[in-house]
Amino acid sequence: MPIPEDVTGDEIDKDVRQELLSLPKGLAEDVSKNLVMVARLIDEDPEGAYAYSKIALRLASRVAAVREAAGFAAYANQKYSEALAEFRAARRMTGSVDLWPVMADCERGLGRPEKALEMAGAPEVHKLDKAGQVEMRLVAAGARRDMDQLDAAIVTLQSPELASNTVQPWTARLRYAYADALLAAGREDEAREWFAKAVESDKDGSTDASDRLAEMDGVEFVDAFVEVEDDEADEDETDTDTDADSDADSEIDDEVEPHAEASVADEVDVDDEDDDIEDDEDEEPVAEPVVEVKDDDKADDKD
């Protein structure tokens, strides 16, 4: 697949670049460019990111960073079985537990929430950093909801991180998940409160908490673009009606004008006859034979 000219491969993380040093220079450059494309497209074009990840995987399948990137690209496309296989491979190569939460979420995606809960209670969770532990809590709560255990999901999310007033990268998502679980359990007042708190902490728009809050308040959003299109359609319809009316008026005018011309001509003829009558009244009496000749002329004129 083509690589844009502005992509050099130097954009990748230094730790990933360090892993690629085991490859020949030209090959490392090609792999790094494909990894950059995976990172660039994974949110907006998951299918494109997946295609680039397959190329990187073909070029350097023994590099852990490549396997991890391939796993996230498959995960973004809901290819959970493939994603889980790649994450497991990356974990075997590095020995890291960082991918443990997303691996558990793959189990959820495969319809195995019980397995996800089992992973949530595994010793690996204690090795995770704070962000990883919060992520694992979110996955566990999701698994509870998959099993229709709403109350258990709510309890799972209740934690010091949720109660903290300090905003962390995970705060908005944690509050949002808690509000959503409350709403699913029918606790609307509490849900509204936590959606509002999620909005306060969601500085980068990682959730749609503001939309959910507005929906609960009965606020309806209208797509302005659709309204513009409707207005243009109405204008076009109006213009069409106007054109049709104009055409109809033209047809009527065409029918009326000949009659109008005839009426004018008739008026002219009448005026001429009146003038003739007046002229006759003004003339001196003439001999009878002359009058008969003029009457014949008038008869000819009328004919």
Foldseek 3Di string as FASTA:
>chain_A
DDQDPVQFLPPDDPVLLVLLVVDPPVLSRLLSSLLVQLVVPCPPPLVSSLVSLVVSCVSCVPRLVSLQSNLSSCVSVLVLVSSLVSPVSSCVNPVACLCLLVNLLSCVSVVNLVVSLVSLPDPNLVVDDPVSVLSSLLSNLVSCVSVVNLVVSLVSLDDPLQVDPDQDPCNLVSLLSNLVSCVVVVNNVVSLVSLVVSVVRPPPPPDPSVVVNCVSVVHDDDDVVVVVVVVVVVVVVVVVVVVVVVVVVVVVCVVVVVVVVVVVVVVVVVVVVVVVVVVVVPDDDDDPVVVVVVVVVVVVVVD
